[in-house]
C-alpha atoms as a PDB file:
ATOM      1  CA  MET A   1       8.962  29.111   9.456  1.00  0.00           C
ATOM      2  CA  VAL A   2       7.494  25.424   8.710  1.00  0.00           C
ATOM      3  CA  LYS A   3       8.265  23.871  12.652  1.00  0.00           C
ATOM      4  CA  TYR A   4       5.926  20.892  12.941  1.00  0.00           C
ATOM      5  CA  GLY A   5       5.610  17.970  10.288  1.00  0.00           C
ATOM      6  CA  LEU A   6       3.326  15.201   9.897  1.00  0.00           C
ATOM      7  CA  PHE A   7       4.856  11.579   7.650  1.00  0.00           C
ATOM      8  CA  VAL A   8       2.394   8.857   7.570  1.00  0.00           C
ATOM      9  CA  ARG A   9       3.202   5.891   4.716  1.00  0.00           C
ATOM     10  CA  LEU A  10       0.563   3.740   3.496  1.00  0.00           C
ATOM     11  CA  GLU A  11      -0.099   0.634   2.662  1.00  0.00           C
ATOM     12  CA  ALA A  12      -3.369  -0.527  -0.480  1.00  0.00           C
ATOM     13  CA  ALA A  13      -4.430  -3.180  -0.261  1.00  0.00           C
ATOM     14  CA  ASP A  14      -4.749  -5.674  -2.258  1.00  0.00           C
ATOM     15  CA  GLY A  15      -6.319  -4.252  -5.781  1.00  0.00           C
ATOM     16  CA  ARG A  16      -7.247  -0.807  -4.294  1.00  0.00           C
ATOM     17  CA  ALA A  17      -3.897   0.989  -5.219  1.00  0.00           C
ATOM     18  CA  ASP A  18      -5.075   2.534  -8.107  1.00  0.00           C
ATOM     19  CA  ASP A  19      -7.705   4.064  -6.448  1.00  0.00           C
ATOM     20  CA  LEU A  20      -5.706   4.676  -3.512  1.00  0.00           C
ATOM     21  CA  GLN A  21      -4.183   6.798  -5.729  1.00  0.00           C
ATOM     22  CA  ALA A  22      -7.226   8.657  -6.869  1.00  0.00           C
ATOM     23  CA  LEU A  23      -8.003   9.303  -3.537  1.00  0.00           C
ATOM     24  CA  LEU A  24      -4.282  11.107  -2.393  1.00  0.00           C
ATOM     25  CA  THR A  25      -4.285  13.292  -5.895  1.00  0.00           C
ATOM     26  CA  SER A  26      -7.954  14.569  -5.516  1.00  0.00           C
ATOM     27  CA  ALA A  27      -7.276  15.309  -1.361  1.00  0.00           C
ATOM     28  CA  ARG A  28      -5.194  18.112  -2.739  1.00  0.00           C
ATOM     29  CA  ASP A  29      -8.069  20.071  -3.480  1.00  0.00           C
ATOM     30  CA  LEU A  30      -9.138  19.386   0.478  1.00  0.00           C
ATOM     31  CA  VAL A  31      -5.622  20.450   1.902  1.00  0.00           C
ATOM     32  CA  GLU A  32      -6.012  23.877  -0.114  1.00  0.00           C
ATOM     33  CA  GLN A  33      -8.846  24.679   1.936  1.00  0.00           C
ATOM     34  CA  GLU A  34      -5.941  24.021   5.227  1.00  0.00           C
ATOM     35  CA  PRO A  35      -4.840  27.622   5.757  1.00  0.00           C
ATOM     36  CA  GLY A  36      -2.642  25.793   9.112  1.00  0.00           C
ATOM     37  CA  THR A  37      -0.986  23.431   6.126  1.00  0.00           C
ATOM     38  CA  THR A  38       2.250  25.598   4.641  1.00  0.00           C
ATOM     39  CA  VAL A  39       2.956  22.280   2.449  1.00  0.00           C
ATOM     40  CA  TRP A  40       1.273  18.364   0.960  1.00  0.00           C
ATOM     41  CA  TYR A  41       2.722  16.434  -0.305  1.00  0.00           C
ATOM     42  CA  ALA A  42       1.801  12.695  -1.794  1.00  0.00           C
ATOM     43  CA  MET A  43       3.739  10.392  -3.001  1.00  0.00           C
ATOM     44  CA  ARG A  44       4.409   6.948  -4.477  1.00  0.00           C
ATOM     45  CA  PHE A  45       7.435   4.734  -2.902  1.00  0.00           C
ATOM     46  CA  GLY A  46       6.557   2.138  -4.917  1.00  0.00           C
ATOM     47  CA  PRO A  47       3.841  -0.356  -6.315  1.00  0.00           C
ATOM     48  CA  THR A  48       1.622  -0.194  -3.182  1.00  0.00           C
ATOM     49  CA  THR A  49       3.545   1.544  -1.014  1.00  0.00           C
ATOM     50  CA  PHE A  50       2.351   5.616  -0.442  1.00  0.00           C
ATOM     51  CA  GLY A  51       3.420   9.040   2.028  1.00  0.00           C
ATOM     52  CA  ILE A  52       1.875  12.367   2.607  1.00  0.00           C
ATOM     53  CA  PHE A  53       4.450  14.673   4.246  1.00  0.00           C
ATOM     54  CA  ASP A  54       3.078  18.483   5.468  1.00  0.00           C
ATOM     55  CA  ALA A  55       4.695  21.130   7.114  1.00  0.00           C
ATOM     56  CA  PHE A  56       2.729  23.764   9.689  1.00  0.00           C
ATOM     57  CA  GLU A  57       4.573  26.824  11.039  1.00  0.00           C
ATOM     58  CA  GLY A  58       2.336  26.014  14.792  1.00  0.00           C
ATOM     59  CA  GLU A  59       1.111  22.771  16.290  1.00  0.00           C
ATOM     60  CA  ASP A  60      -2.764  24.521  15.506  1.00  0.00           C
ATOM     61  CA  GLY A  61      -2.669  23.601  11.959  1.00  0.00           C
ATOM     62  CA  ARG A  62      -0.682  20.251  12.130  1.00  0.00           C
ATOM     63  CA  GLN A  63      -3.760  18.945  14.831  1.00  0.00           C
ATOM     64  CA  ALA A  64      -6.192  20.562  12.386  1.00  0.00           C
ATOM     65  CA  HIS A  65      -4.705  19.148   9.636  1.00  0.00           C
ATOM     66  CA  LEU A  66      -5.082  16.111  11.926  1.00  0.00           C
ATOM     67  CA  GLY A  67      -8.549  16.223  12.478  1.00  0.00           C
ATOM     68  CA  GLY A  68      -9.137  17.503   8.501  1.00  0.00           C
ATOM     69  CA  ALA A  69     -10.940  16.843   5.206  1.00  0.00           C
ATOM     70  CA  VAL A  70      -8.138  14.171   4.246  1.00  0.00           C
ATOM     71  CA  ALA A  71      -8.119  11.926   7.319  1.00  0.00           C
ATOM     72  CA  GLN A  72     -11.645  12.073   6.704  1.00  0.00           C
ATOM     73  CA  ALA A  73     -11.020  10.883   3.840  1.00  0.00           C
ATOM     74  CA  LEU A  74      -8.960   8.040   4.318  1.00  0.00           C
ATOM     75  CA  GLY A  75     -11.340   7.320   6.978  1.00  0.00           C
ATOM     76  CA  GLU A  76     -14.267   6.738   4.863  1.00  0.00           C
ATOM     77  CA  HIS A  77     -12.198   4.737   2.751  1.00  0.00           C
ATOM     78  CA  ALA A  78      -9.837   2.341   4.856  1.00  0.00           C
ATOM     79  CA  GLU A  79     -10.679  -0.366   2.411  1.00  0.00           C
ATOM     80  CA  LEU A  80      -8.253   0.801   0.150  1.00  0.00           C
ATOM     81  CA  LEU A  81      -5.418   0.823   2.916  1.00  0.00           C
ATOM     82  CA  ALA A  82      -4.256  -2.935   3.813  1.00  0.00           C
ATOM     83  CA  ALA A  83      -3.114  -1.181   7.404  1.00  0.00           C
ATOM     84  CA  ALA A  84      -4.370   1.941   9.621  1.00  0.00           C
ATOM     85  CA  PRO A  85      -2.042   3.982   8.630  1.00  0.00           C
ATOM     86  CA  ASN A  86       1.581   4.829  10.486  1.00  0.00           C
ATOM     87  CA  ILE A  87       1.507   8.423  11.542  1.00  0.00           C
ATOM     88  CA  GLU A  88       4.131   9.549  13.061  1.00  0.00           C
ATOM     89  CA  GLN A  89       3.954  13.449  14.210  1.00  0.00           C
ATOM     90  CA  VAL A  90       7.885  15.857  13.289  1.00  0.00           C
ATOM     91  CA  ASP A  91       9.378  18.256  14.279  1.00  0.00           C
ATOM     92  CA  VAL A  92      11.549  20.317  10.831  1.00  0.00           C
ATOM     93  CA  LEU A  93      15.133  20.594  11.688  1.00  0.00           C
ATOM     94  CA  ALA A  94      16.034  23.044   8.159  1.00  0.00           C
ATOM     95  CA  ALA A  95      13.675  24.136   5.329  1.00  0.00           C
ATOM     96  CA  LYS A  96      13.796  26.044   2.087  1.00  0.00           C
END
């Protein structure tokens, strides 16, 4: 059962929302290579606001993801972001 999660809020820089969306869409292929990442969702809340939610069975999976390819890609494309990502480590209370 998943017990650990991450909720990440991302705000696109001016004129870069489509580029950020493309990066998040392509990041799915990177996450597929992470056995410890049970679920991963990239979402769009509005014109420039995006989010990622992922869940893990163990803390080791969460930490591996935090240091993984998606985090690296976001760091390499920091110009797409208006500010640093807001990363919240959460406990999953219930899941189906």
